[in-house]
């Protein structure tokens, strides 16, 4: 048994009353609609009846959750409330008397924990406290302007979730990660877990959590059963009801599933009684109580509603009240489809353009600090001054590796990638990098001529909306 399988049970679609043709249609539409799916798990009646990962993504790898992290943070607040450490009616400033000064505004002084939980803080727009130059995020938040009365308007606010994390740390002496370990993570066998932190060592709360997809599925089962795990009530069912109910009206332009109301760091869905935690680019924990279902998804999607609409369109009609018979061929077809899921890429003949092969290109100034690069048949050398980073890639096949470079200057550290080249003997030459623990895929095009090379980088999705970057350079020692 794989580590991530602990606590999960497996069956077939038919045994769970699900027509496998619905799952096949879902996979087909995900592809047609360019949904950018990386992995999914479908559960009904506590059984995983279908799961698949798009190679080179893997079941055992963690994945960046973005705002799905919020639901975990709010759950930590629920445990703290259950243990009498705080209430949702407590004033936010009351937890941090050492950080409050006379210039804190009245609306901030009237802000309560429930306003943080429901994104009703009174901010408009939401404040950005997540700046590398800010040493104290809590103090920065407490001194932001709050133009409206808390509780009067929904504004999506990751800084509010950070404050929930900071409050948990203040009342428990532990980070959210530490606090949840014996209460949630261990009882659910969640496995690998990493939460990014602020400069003061507080888990970021609103984003920055990395877990596996099976951990998300287990978290969904926790909510489906209202906090009960294997007959033990871990968290008060009343908290689960409040957290998953529409506490406030929600607004936005992402699609109809973002207009159904907001609970404690969770969204309601247009499917009756369904709710979810979700994160940027399509990280989902869907809970459908009426259907006795949980759906967990990782993706790199630019259209979040497309993913949900595809599920509603294909899976809901495939559900039946009793097990199904006579669908052996369809079950086999689904198994084959799940086993062959893969991120697509162009194919070439594996020959590097003769104008570029083995030559060093001196690059113009760029945001990443790259000074030179050199392209070979199966490798790309990147130079940061005198430091060299080598990416080894496959020709028309994925090759996994670790690298400390990425096409976003703010993201640093060792990264798991999968590298696929599709060279065709002339320009442009293409390299696809799948960052396997994130939503991000970079398509890099190398266009060489006698003078140098232009490198165009296109990312599949981006917070900034700036998906295209270009590097230019000249061949080293040209003219000598």
Protein backbone atom coordinates (compact mmCIF):
# COMPACT_ATOMS: atom_id res chain seq x y z
CA UNK A 1 0.00 0.00 0.00
CA UNK A 2 1.27 3.45 -0.90
CA UNK A 3 1.62 5.92 1.95
CA UNK A 4 -1.05 8.17 0.45
CA UNK A 5 -3.56 5.26 0.23
CA UNK A 6 -3.76 4.87 4.02
CA UNK A 7 -7.30 5.48 5.22
CA UNK A 8 -8.81 5.16 1.74
CA UNK A 9 -10.94 2.36 0.33
CA UNK A 10 -11.30 1.45 -3.34
CA UNK A 11 -14.09 0.11 -5.51
CA UNK A 12 -15.39 0.37 -9.08
CA UNK A 13 -17.75 2.94 -10.56
CA UNK A 14 -20.48 0.37 -11.13
CA UNK A 15 -20.32 -0.89 -7.55
CA UNK A 16 -20.74 2.70 -6.37
CA UNK A 17 -23.71 3.29 -8.64
CA UNK A 18 -21.74 5.38 -11.14
CA UNK A 19 -21.89 4.78 -14.88
CA UNK A 20 -18.23 4.65 -16.00
CA UNK A 21 -19.20 6.31 -19.27
CA UNK A 22 -19.77 9.50 -17.30
CA UNK A 23 -16.16 9.46 -16.09
CA UNK A 24 -14.92 8.74 -19.61
CA UNK A 25 -16.93 11.69 -20.88
CA UNK A 26 -15.48 13.89 -18.14
CA UNK A 27 -11.93 12.98 -19.22
CA UNK A 28 -12.83 13.64 -22.85
CA UNK A 29 -14.31 17.06 -22.10
CA UNK A 30 -11.40 18.01 -19.86
CA UNK A 31 -9.17 17.48 -22.89
CA UNK A 32 -11.47 19.22 -25.37
CA UNK A 33 -11.90 22.22 -23.10
CA UNK A 34 -8.20 22.46 -22.25
CA UNK A 35 -9.04 22.28 -18.55
CA UNK A 36 -5.42 21.71 -17.54
CA UNK A 37 -6.17 18.84 -15.16
CA UNK A 38 -3.18 17.31 -13.35
CA UNK A 39 -4.95 14.71 -11.24
CA UNK A 40 -8.38 13.79 -9.90
CA UNK A 41 -9.97 11.45 -7.39
CA UNK A 42 -13.68 10.60 -7.41
CA UNK A 43 -15.24 9.05 -4.28
CA UNK A 44 -18.74 7.84 -3.52
CA UNK A 45 -20.06 5.95 -0.50
CA UNK A 46 -16.55 6.35 1.02
CA UNK A 47 -14.95 4.48 -1.89
CA UNK A 48 -12.50 5.80 -4.47
CA UNK A 49 -14.09 4.64 -7.72
CA UNK A 50 -11.85 6.49 -10.17
CA UNK A 51 -8.52 8.28 -9.94
CA UNK A 52 -5.91 9.40 -12.39
CA UNK A 53 -2.80 11.53 -12.74
CA UNK A 54 -1.59 13.10 -15.95
CA UNK A 55 2.01 11.99 -16.42
CA UNK A 56 4.48 13.33 -15.25
CA UNK A 57 2.30 14.32 -12.26
CA UNK A 58 2.19 11.54 -9.65
CA UNK A 59 -0.01 10.43 -6.79
CA UNK A 60 2.70 10.65 -4.14
CA UNK A 61 3.79 14.19 -5.03
CA UNK A 62 2.51 17.16 -3.09
CA UNK A 63 0.88 19.98 -5.04
CA UNK A 64 0.56 23.69 -4.29
CA UNK A 65 -2.97 24.38 -3.01
CA UNK A 66 -3.10 28.17 -3.17
CA UNK A 67 -6.40 29.27 -1.54
CA UNK A 68 -7.55 25.75 -0.77
CA UNK A 69 -5.09 26.27 2.10
CA UNK A 70 -7.72 28.56 3.64
CA UNK A 71 -10.07 25.71 4.44
CA UNK A 72 -7.37 23.94 6.45
CA UNK A 73 -6.61 27.14 8.36
CA UNK A 74 -10.28 27.71 9.17
CA UNK A 75 -10.50 24.13 10.42
CA UNK A 76 -7.67 24.87 12.85
CA UNK A 77 -9.77 27.78 14.12
CA UNK A 78 -12.65 25.34 14.57
CA UNK A 79 -10.55 23.08 16.77
CA UNK A 80 -9.40 26.09 18.82
CA UNK A 81 -13.03 27.14 19.32
CA UNK A 82 -13.93 23.59 20.33
CA UNK A 83 -11.17 23.65 22.94
CA UNK A 84 -12.33 26.96 24.39
CA UNK A 85 -9.29 28.94 23.26
CA UNK A 86 -11.34 31.56 21.39
CA UNK A 87 -14.79 32.32 19.98
CA UNK A 88 -15.87 33.71 16.64
CA UNK A 89 -17.16 36.80 18.48
CA UNK A 90 -13.72 37.72 19.86
CA UNK A 91 -12.20 41.01 18.73
CA UNK A 92 -9.20 40.55 16.44
CA UNK A 93 -7.18 43.31 18.14
CA UNK A 94 -7.66 41.59 21.49
CA UNK A 95 -5.26 38.82 20.52
CA UNK A 96 -2.43 41.25 19.76
CA UNK A 97 -2.33 44.04 22.38
CA UNK A 98 1.43 44.27 21.87
CA UNK A 99 0.94 45.24 18.22
CA UNK A 100 -1.93 47.73 18.55
CA UNK A 101 -1.19 51.46 18.62
CA UNK A 102 -3.42 54.51 18.94
CA UNK A 103 -3.69 54.95 15.19
CA UNK A 104 -5.53 51.65 14.66
CA UNK A 105 -8.88 52.64 13.12
CA UNK A 106 -12.26 52.11 14.79
CA UNK A 107 -13.47 49.58 12.22
CA UNK A 108 -10.36 47.49 12.86
CA UNK A 109 -11.09 47.63 16.58
CA UNK A 110 -14.61 46.34 15.87
CA UNK A 111 -13.45 43.49 13.62
CA UNK A 112 -14.18 40.01 14.99
CA UNK A 113 -12.91 36.52 14.21
CA UNK A 114 -16.15 35.75 12.36
CA UNK A 115 -15.41 38.62 9.98
CA UNK A 116 -12.04 37.09 9.13
CA UNK A 117 -13.65 33.70 8.59
CA UNK A 118 -16.31 35.03 6.22
CA UNK A 119 -14.21 37.62 4.31
CA UNK A 120 -16.37 40.41 5.75
CA UNK A 121 -13.64 42.49 7.33
CA UNK A 122 -14.70 45.85 5.91
CA UNK A 123 -11.66 46.14 3.68
CA UNK A 124 -12.23 47.37 0.13
CA UNK A 125 -10.02 46.44 -1.60
CA UNK A 126 -8.33 43.65 0.34
CA UNK A 127 -4.97 44.73 1.77
CA UNK A 128 -1.71 43.29 0.50
CA UNK A 129 0.52 42.63 3.50
CA UNK A 130 2.56 39.91 1.78
CA UNK A 131 5.52 42.03 0.80
CA UNK A 132 9.07 40.74 1.38
CA UNK A 133 9.92 44.15 2.83
CA UNK A 134 7.23 43.84 5.54
CA UNK A 135 8.76 42.25 8.66
CA UNK A 136 5.54 41.96 10.71
CA UNK A 137 2.42 40.91 8.77
CA UNK A 138 0.15 41.07 11.83
CA UNK A 139 1.10 44.63 12.67
CA UNK A 140 0.77 45.60 9.02
CA UNK A 141 -2.76 44.15 8.90
CA UNK A 142 -3.87 45.82 12.13
CA UNK A 143 -2.81 49.20 10.78
CA UNK A 144 -4.55 48.93 7.40
CA UNK A 145 -7.43 51.22 6.56
CA UNK A 146 -10.86 49.59 6.98
CA UNK A 147 -13.30 51.91 5.19
CA UNK A 148 -16.47 49.90 5.81
CA UNK A 149 -18.12 48.45 8.87
CA UNK A 150 -17.03 44.83 9.42
CA UNK A 151 -19.78 42.41 8.48
CA UNK A 152 -21.34 44.55 5.76
CA UNK A 153 -19.56 43.49 2.54
CA UNK A 154 -17.83 40.39 1.18
CA UNK A 155 -14.35 41.08 -0.22
CA UNK A 156 -12.05 38.12 -0.85
CA UNK A 157 -9.12 38.65 1.47
CA UNK A 158 -6.10 36.36 1.91
CA UNK A 159 -4.68 38.68 4.56
CA UNK A 160 -7.74 37.89 6.70
CA UNK A 161 -6.88 34.20 6.55
CA UNK A 162 -3.30 34.95 7.52
CA UNK A 163 -4.70 36.64 10.62
CA UNK A 164 -6.67 33.48 11.45
CA UNK A 165 -3.40 31.55 11.28
CA UNK A 166 -1.69 34.14 13.48
CA UNK A 167 -4.53 33.95 16.02
CA UNK A 168 -4.25 30.16 16.17
CA UNK A 169 -0.52 30.53 16.79
CA UNK A 170 -1.11 33.20 19.45
CA UNK A 171 -3.64 31.14 21.46
CA UNK A 172 -1.96 27.73 21.06
CA UNK A 173 1.74 28.55 20.86
CA UNK A 174 1.87 26.39 17.73
CA UNK A 175 1.67 26.93 14.01
CA UNK A 176 -1.46 25.75 12.21
CA UNK A 177 0.59 22.82 10.90
CA UNK A 178 1.73 21.79 14.38
CA UNK A 179 -1.68 22.31 15.93
CA UNK A 180 -3.48 20.24 13.28
CA UNK A 181 -1.04 17.33 13.40
CA UNK A 182 -2.62 15.34 16.27
CA UNK A 183 -6.13 16.68 15.64
CA UNK A 184 -6.51 16.24 11.88
CA UNK A 185 -3.38 15.30 9.95
CA UNK A 186 -2.50 12.12 11.85
CA UNK A 187 -6.07 10.79 12.33
CA UNK A 188 -6.66 11.21 8.58
CA UNK A 189 -3.23 9.83 7.55
CA UNK A 190 -2.64 12.95 5.48
CA UNK A 191 1.07 12.26 5.03
CA UNK A 192 3.39 14.78 3.38
CA UNK A 193 2.63 18.37 4.39
CA UNK A 194 4.41 21.70 4.04
CA UNK A 195 3.04 25.16 4.88
CA UNK A 196 4.99 28.22 3.79
CA UNK A 197 5.55 30.81 6.51
CA UNK A 198 5.90 34.55 7.03
CA UNK A 199 9.15 36.10 8.32
CA UNK A 200 7.94 35.58 11.91
CA UNK A 201 7.36 31.85 11.45
CA UNK A 202 3.56 31.91 11.19
CA UNK A 203 1.98 29.66 8.54
CA UNK A 204 0.68 31.89 5.74
CA UNK A 205 -2.83 30.56 6.21
CA UNK A 206 -4.48 31.85 3.05
CA UNK A 207 -2.10 30.09 0.67
CA UNK A 208 1.19 28.23 0.76
CA UNK A 209 0.07 24.74 1.82
CA UNK A 210 1.40 21.76 -0.13
CA UNK A 211 -0.21 18.31 0.30
CA UNK A 212 -0.99 15.31 -1.88
CA UNK A 213 -4.28 14.87 -3.72
CA UNK A 214 -5.24 11.88 -1.52
CA UNK A 215 -4.89 14.19 1.49
CA UNK A 216 -7.42 16.54 -0.10
CA UNK A 217 -9.77 13.60 -0.68
CA UNK A 218 -9.47 12.56 2.96
CA UNK A 219 -10.17 16.13 4.04
CA UNK A 220 -13.31 16.04 1.91
CA UNK A 221 -14.46 12.84 3.61
CA UNK A 222 -13.88 14.56 6.96
CA UNK A 223 -16.38 17.24 5.92
CA UNK A 224 -18.79 14.79 4.31
CA UNK A 225 -19.05 12.99 7.66
CA UNK A 226 -19.28 16.25 9.60
CA UNK A 227 -15.99 15.83 11.43
CA UNK A 228 -16.43 12.15 12.26
CA UNK A 229 -13.57 9.82 11.33
CA UNK A 230 -13.84 6.07 11.89
CA UNK A 231 -16.56 6.58 14.47
CA UNK A 232 -14.69 9.28 16.41
CA UNK A 233 -16.01 12.84 16.41
CA UNK A 234 -12.85 14.87 15.86
CA UNK A 235 -14.54 18.24 15.35
CA UNK A 236 -17.98 19.35 16.47
CA UNK A 237 -20.52 18.74 13.70
CA UNK A 238 -22.08 22.12 14.47
CA UNK A 239 -18.83 23.79 13.42
CA UNK A 240 -18.82 21.80 10.18
CA UNK A 241 -22.39 22.90 9.50
CA UNK A 242 -21.54 26.55 10.10
CA UNK A 243 -18.31 26.40 8.12
CA UNK A 244 -19.98 24.83 5.08
CA UNK A 245 -23.13 26.97 5.12
CA UNK A 246 -23.61 30.27 3.32
CA UNK A 247 -22.80 32.72 6.08
CA UNK A 248 -22.64 35.67 3.67
CA UNK A 249 -23.45 36.51 0.08
CA UNK A 250 -20.52 36.14 -2.31
CA UNK A 251 -19.64 38.20 -5.36
CA UNK A 252 -17.28 37.89 -8.28
CA UNK A 253 -16.98 37.23 -11.98
CA UNK A 254 -15.42 33.74 -11.92
CA UNK A 255 -18.74 32.02 -12.70
CA UNK A 256 -22.03 30.90 -11.12
CA UNK A 257 -20.31 28.63 -8.61
CA UNK A 258 -18.76 31.73 -7.03
CA UNK A 259 -22.15 33.40 -6.47
CA UNK A 260 -23.76 30.82 -4.16
CA UNK A 261 -22.54 32.16 -0.82
CA UNK A 262 -19.47 31.84 1.39
CA UNK A 263 -18.99 30.10 4.72
CA UNK A 264 -15.90 29.81 6.88
CA UNK A 265 -13.27 29.88 4.12
CA UNK A 266 -15.42 27.67 1.89
CA UNK A 267 -17.71 28.31 -1.07
CA UNK A 268 -21.18 27.00 -1.71
CA UNK A 269 -21.81 25.39 -5.13
CA UNK A 270 -24.71 25.67 -7.56
CA UNK A 271 -25.40 21.97 -6.99
CA UNK A 272 -27.90 21.89 -4.09
CA UNK A 273 -26.22 21.47 -0.67
CA UNK A 274 -22.75 21.06 -2.22
CA UNK A 275 -19.78 23.09 -0.99
CA UNK A 276 -16.07 23.28 -1.62
CA UNK A 277 -12.67 24.62 -0.77
CA UNK A 278 -10.76 25.78 -3.82
CA UNK A 279 -7.54 27.42 -4.88
CA UNK A 280 -6.09 29.33 -7.80
CA UNK A 281 -5.74 27.51 -11.13
CA UNK A 282 -8.12 24.75 -10.10
CA UNK A 283 -7.28 23.08 -6.79
CA UNK A 284 -10.55 21.60 -5.51
CA UNK A 285 -12.07 19.77 -2.60
CA UNK A 286 -15.71 19.23 -3.57
CA UNK A 287 -18.22 17.80 -1.09
CA UNK A 288 -21.64 16.72 -2.37
CA UNK A 289 -23.66 15.44 0.63
CA UNK A 290 -26.83 14.63 -1.34
CA UNK A 291 -24.81 12.42 -3.69
CA UNK A 292 -22.57 11.04 -0.89
CA UNK A 293 -19.58 12.15 -2.95
CA UNK A 294 -16.18 13.80 -2.60
CA UNK A 295 -14.11 14.98 -5.56
CA UNK A 296 -10.49 16.12 -5.30
CA UNK A 297 -8.70 17.83 -8.18
CA UNK A 298 -5.34 19.44 -8.91
CA UNK A 299 -4.94 21.43 -12.10
CA UNK A 300 -3.34 24.35 -13.90
CA UNK A 301 -6.47 25.95 -15.30
CA UNK A 302 -7.19 29.51 -16.34
CA UNK A 303 -10.95 28.93 -16.21
CA UNK A 304 -12.05 27.55 -12.87
CA UNK A 305 -15.73 27.39 -13.79
CA UNK A 306 -14.92 25.14 -16.76
CA UNK A 307 -13.63 22.43 -14.43
CA UNK A 308 -16.71 22.54 -12.21
CA UNK A 309 -19.18 22.78 -15.07
CA UNK A 310 -17.61 19.75 -16.73
CA UNK A 311 -18.05 17.72 -13.54
CA UNK A 312 -21.66 18.79 -13.09
CA UNK A 313 -22.35 17.99 -16.76
CA UNK A 314 -20.80 14.51 -16.81
CA UNK A 315 -20.67 13.00 -13.33
CA UNK A 316 -24.01 14.02 -11.84
CA UNK A 317 -26.07 12.38 -14.64
CA UNK A 318 -23.98 9.22 -14.24
CA UNK A 319 -25.09 8.66 -10.64
CA UNK A 320 -27.61 5.97 -9.71
CA UNK A 321 -29.17 4.88 -6.44
CA UNK A 322 -28.00 1.27 -6.70
CA UNK A 323 -24.97 -0.61 -8.05
CA UNK A 324 -24.92 -1.13 -11.82
CA UNK A 325 -24.41 -4.33 -13.79
CA UNK A 326 -23.40 -5.21 -17.33
CA UNK A 327 -20.82 -2.46 -17.81
CA UNK A 328 -17.67 -4.58 -17.83
CA UNK A 329 -16.47 -3.29 -21.20
CA UNK A 330 -16.98 0.30 -20.12
CA UNK A 331 -15.12 -0.33 -16.85
CA UNK A 332 -12.22 -1.76 -18.83
CA UNK A 333 -12.20 1.23 -21.19
CA UNK A 334 -12.12 3.58 -18.23
CA UNK A 335 -9.24 1.71 -16.59
CA UNK A 336 -7.28 1.99 -19.83
CA UNK A 337 -8.03 5.70 -20.13
CA UNK A 338 -6.98 6.38 -16.54
CA UNK A 339 -3.70 4.51 -17.02
CA UNK A 340 -2.79 6.48 -20.13
CA UNK A 341 -3.40 10.03 -18.90
CA UNK A 342 -0.53 12.34 -19.81
CA UNK A 343 0.34 15.99 -20.34
CA UNK A 344 0.53 16.47 -24.11
CA UNK A 345 3.60 17.83 -25.89
CA UNK A 346 4.79 18.37 -29.45
CA UNK A 347 7.17 15.86 -31.00
CA UNK A 348 10.21 16.45 -33.19
CA UNK A 349 13.18 14.55 -34.62
CA UNK A 350 15.55 15.39 -31.76
CA UNK A 351 18.07 17.46 -33.72
CA UNK A 352 19.25 20.82 -32.38
CA UNK A 353 19.47 23.69 -34.86
CA UNK A 354 23.08 23.74 -36.09
CA UNK A 355 23.24 27.49 -35.42
CA UNK A 356 22.64 26.85 -31.72
CA UNK A 357 24.13 23.44 -30.93
CA UNK A 358 26.79 23.72 -28.26
CA UNK A 359 27.10 27.50 -28.53
CA UNK A 360 26.93 29.84 -25.56
CA UNK A 361 24.48 32.72 -25.81
CA UNK A 362 25.23 35.84 -23.75
CA UNK A 363 21.90 37.19 -22.56
CA UNK A 364 20.65 40.73 -22.17
CA UNK A 365 19.62 41.85 -18.67
CA UNK A 366 16.53 39.99 -17.46
CA UNK A 367 14.42 39.57 -14.28
CA UNK A 368 15.93 36.17 -13.43
CA UNK A 369 19.58 37.19 -13.38
CA UNK A 370 20.43 34.75 -16.16
CA UNK A 371 23.67 35.78 -17.85
CA UNK A 372 24.24 33.00 -20.40
CA UNK A 373 22.73 29.77 -21.70
CA UNK A 374 23.92 26.88 -23.85
CA UNK A 375 21.75 24.34 -25.66
CA UNK A 376 22.86 20.77 -26.36
CA UNK A 377 21.03 17.71 -27.71
CA UNK A 378 19.84 16.60 -24.27
CA UNK A 379 20.64 19.48 -21.93
CA UNK A 380 20.25 23.19 -21.36
CA UNK A 381 22.92 24.99 -19.33
CA UNK A 382 21.85 28.13 -17.49
CA UNK A 383 24.45 30.50 -16.07
CA UNK A 384 23.83 32.89 -13.20
CA UNK A 385 27.16 34.69 -13.32
CA UNK A 386 29.68 31.92 -12.72
CA UNK A 387 27.09 29.51 -11.31
CA UNK A 388 25.84 26.89 -13.77
CA UNK A 389 22.52 25.05 -13.59
CA UNK A 390 21.99 22.16 -16.02
CA UNK A 391 18.57 20.92 -17.09
CA UNK A 392 18.65 17.45 -18.63
CA UNK A 393 15.69 16.74 -20.89
CA UNK A 394 14.30 13.91 -22.96
CA UNK A 395 13.64 14.02 -26.67
CA UNK A 396 9.90 13.43 -27.11
CA UNK A 397 9.69 11.98 -23.62
CA UNK A 398 9.51 13.30 -20.07
CA UNK A 399 12.70 13.22 -18.00
CA UNK A 400 12.28 14.08 -14.33
CA UNK A 401 14.83 16.11 -12.44
CA UNK A 402 15.43 18.80 -9.84
CA UNK A 403 16.43 22.36 -10.63
CA UNK A 404 16.71 25.63 -8.73
CA UNK A 405 15.52 27.84 -11.58
CA UNK A 406 12.07 28.78 -12.74
CA UNK A 407 10.52 31.42 -14.99
CA UNK A 408 9.33 33.55 -12.09
CA UNK A 409 11.88 35.61 -10.23
CA UNK A 410 9.94 35.40 -6.95
CA UNK A 411 9.97 31.62 -6.80
CA UNK A 412 13.19 30.11 -5.57
CA UNK A 413 14.44 26.84 -4.14
CA UNK A 414 14.70 23.31 -5.44
CA UNK A 415 11.90 22.42 -7.83
CA UNK A 416 10.77 19.09 -9.21
CA UNK A 417 10.46 19.34 -12.96
CA UNK A 418 9.90 17.13 -15.96
CA UNK A 419 11.63 18.20 -19.16
CA UNK A 420 10.59 17.33 -22.71
CA UNK A 421 12.21 18.64 -25.90
CA UNK A 422 10.75 18.62 -29.40
CA UNK A 423 13.57 19.70 -31.69
CA UNK A 424 13.18 19.46 -35.46
CA UNK A 425 16.61 20.32 -36.84
CA UNK A 426 15.86 24.02 -37.26
CA UNK A 427 14.33 26.88 -35.31
CA UNK A 428 12.27 27.33 -33.33
CA UNK A 429 13.29 24.52 -30.99
CA UNK A 430 10.87 23.77 -28.16
CA UNK A 431 11.26 22.64 -24.57
CA UNK A 432 8.38 21.96 -22.19
CA UNK A 433 8.97 22.06 -18.44
CA UNK A 434 6.27 20.64 -16.17
CA UNK A 435 6.80 21.81 -12.60
CA UNK A 436 5.37 18.69 -11.02
CA UNK A 437 4.42 20.08 -7.60
CA UNK A 438 2.70 23.18 -8.96
CA UNK A 439 0.07 24.14 -11.55
CA UNK A 440 2.75 25.62 -13.76
CA UNK A 441 3.99 24.43 -17.14
CA UNK A 442 6.52 26.47 -19.12
CA UNK A 443 6.78 26.16 -22.90
CA UNK A 444 10.12 27.53 -24.04
CA UNK A 445 10.91 28.30 -27.66
CA UNK A 446 14.50 28.84 -28.86
CA UNK A 447 14.81 30.76 -32.13
CA UNK A 448 18.43 30.89 -33.35
CA UNK A 449 20.12 32.75 -36.16
CA UNK A 450 23.69 33.66 -37.08
CA UNK A 451 23.87 36.46 -34.52
CA UNK A 452 22.27 34.95 -31.45
CA UNK A 453 19.08 33.52 -30.01
CA UNK A 454 15.67 34.68 -28.84
CA UNK A 455 14.09 32.64 -26.06
CA UNK A 456 10.32 32.96 -25.57
CA UNK A 457 8.78 31.54 -22.40
CA UNK A 458 5.05 30.97 -22.15
CA UNK A 459 3.52 29.84 -18.87
CA UNK A 460 0.15 28.08 -18.83
CA UNK A 461 -1.26 30.21 -16.01
CA UNK A 462 -0.13 33.14 -13.90
CA UNK A 463 -1.37 35.26 -11.00
CA UNK A 464 -0.21 38.40 -12.79
CA UNK A 465 -1.76 37.46 -16.12
CA UNK A 466 1.65 37.97 -17.72
CA UNK A 467 2.19 34.55 -19.24
CA UNK A 468 4.76 35.48 -21.88
CA UNK A 469 8.40 36.44 -21.26
CA UNK A 470 11.22 36.92 -23.77
CA UNK A 471 15.00 36.69 -23.42
CA UNK A 472 17.43 37.82 -26.10
CA UNK A 473 21.15 37.31 -26.50
CA UNK A 474 24.15 37.15 -28.82
CA UNK A 475 26.54 34.27 -29.40
CA UNK A 476 29.64 34.39 -27.24
CA UNK A 477 32.90 35.24 -29.07
CA UNK A 478 31.02 36.05 -32.27
CA UNK A 479 33.30 37.68 -34.82
CA UNK A 480 36.52 36.36 -33.26
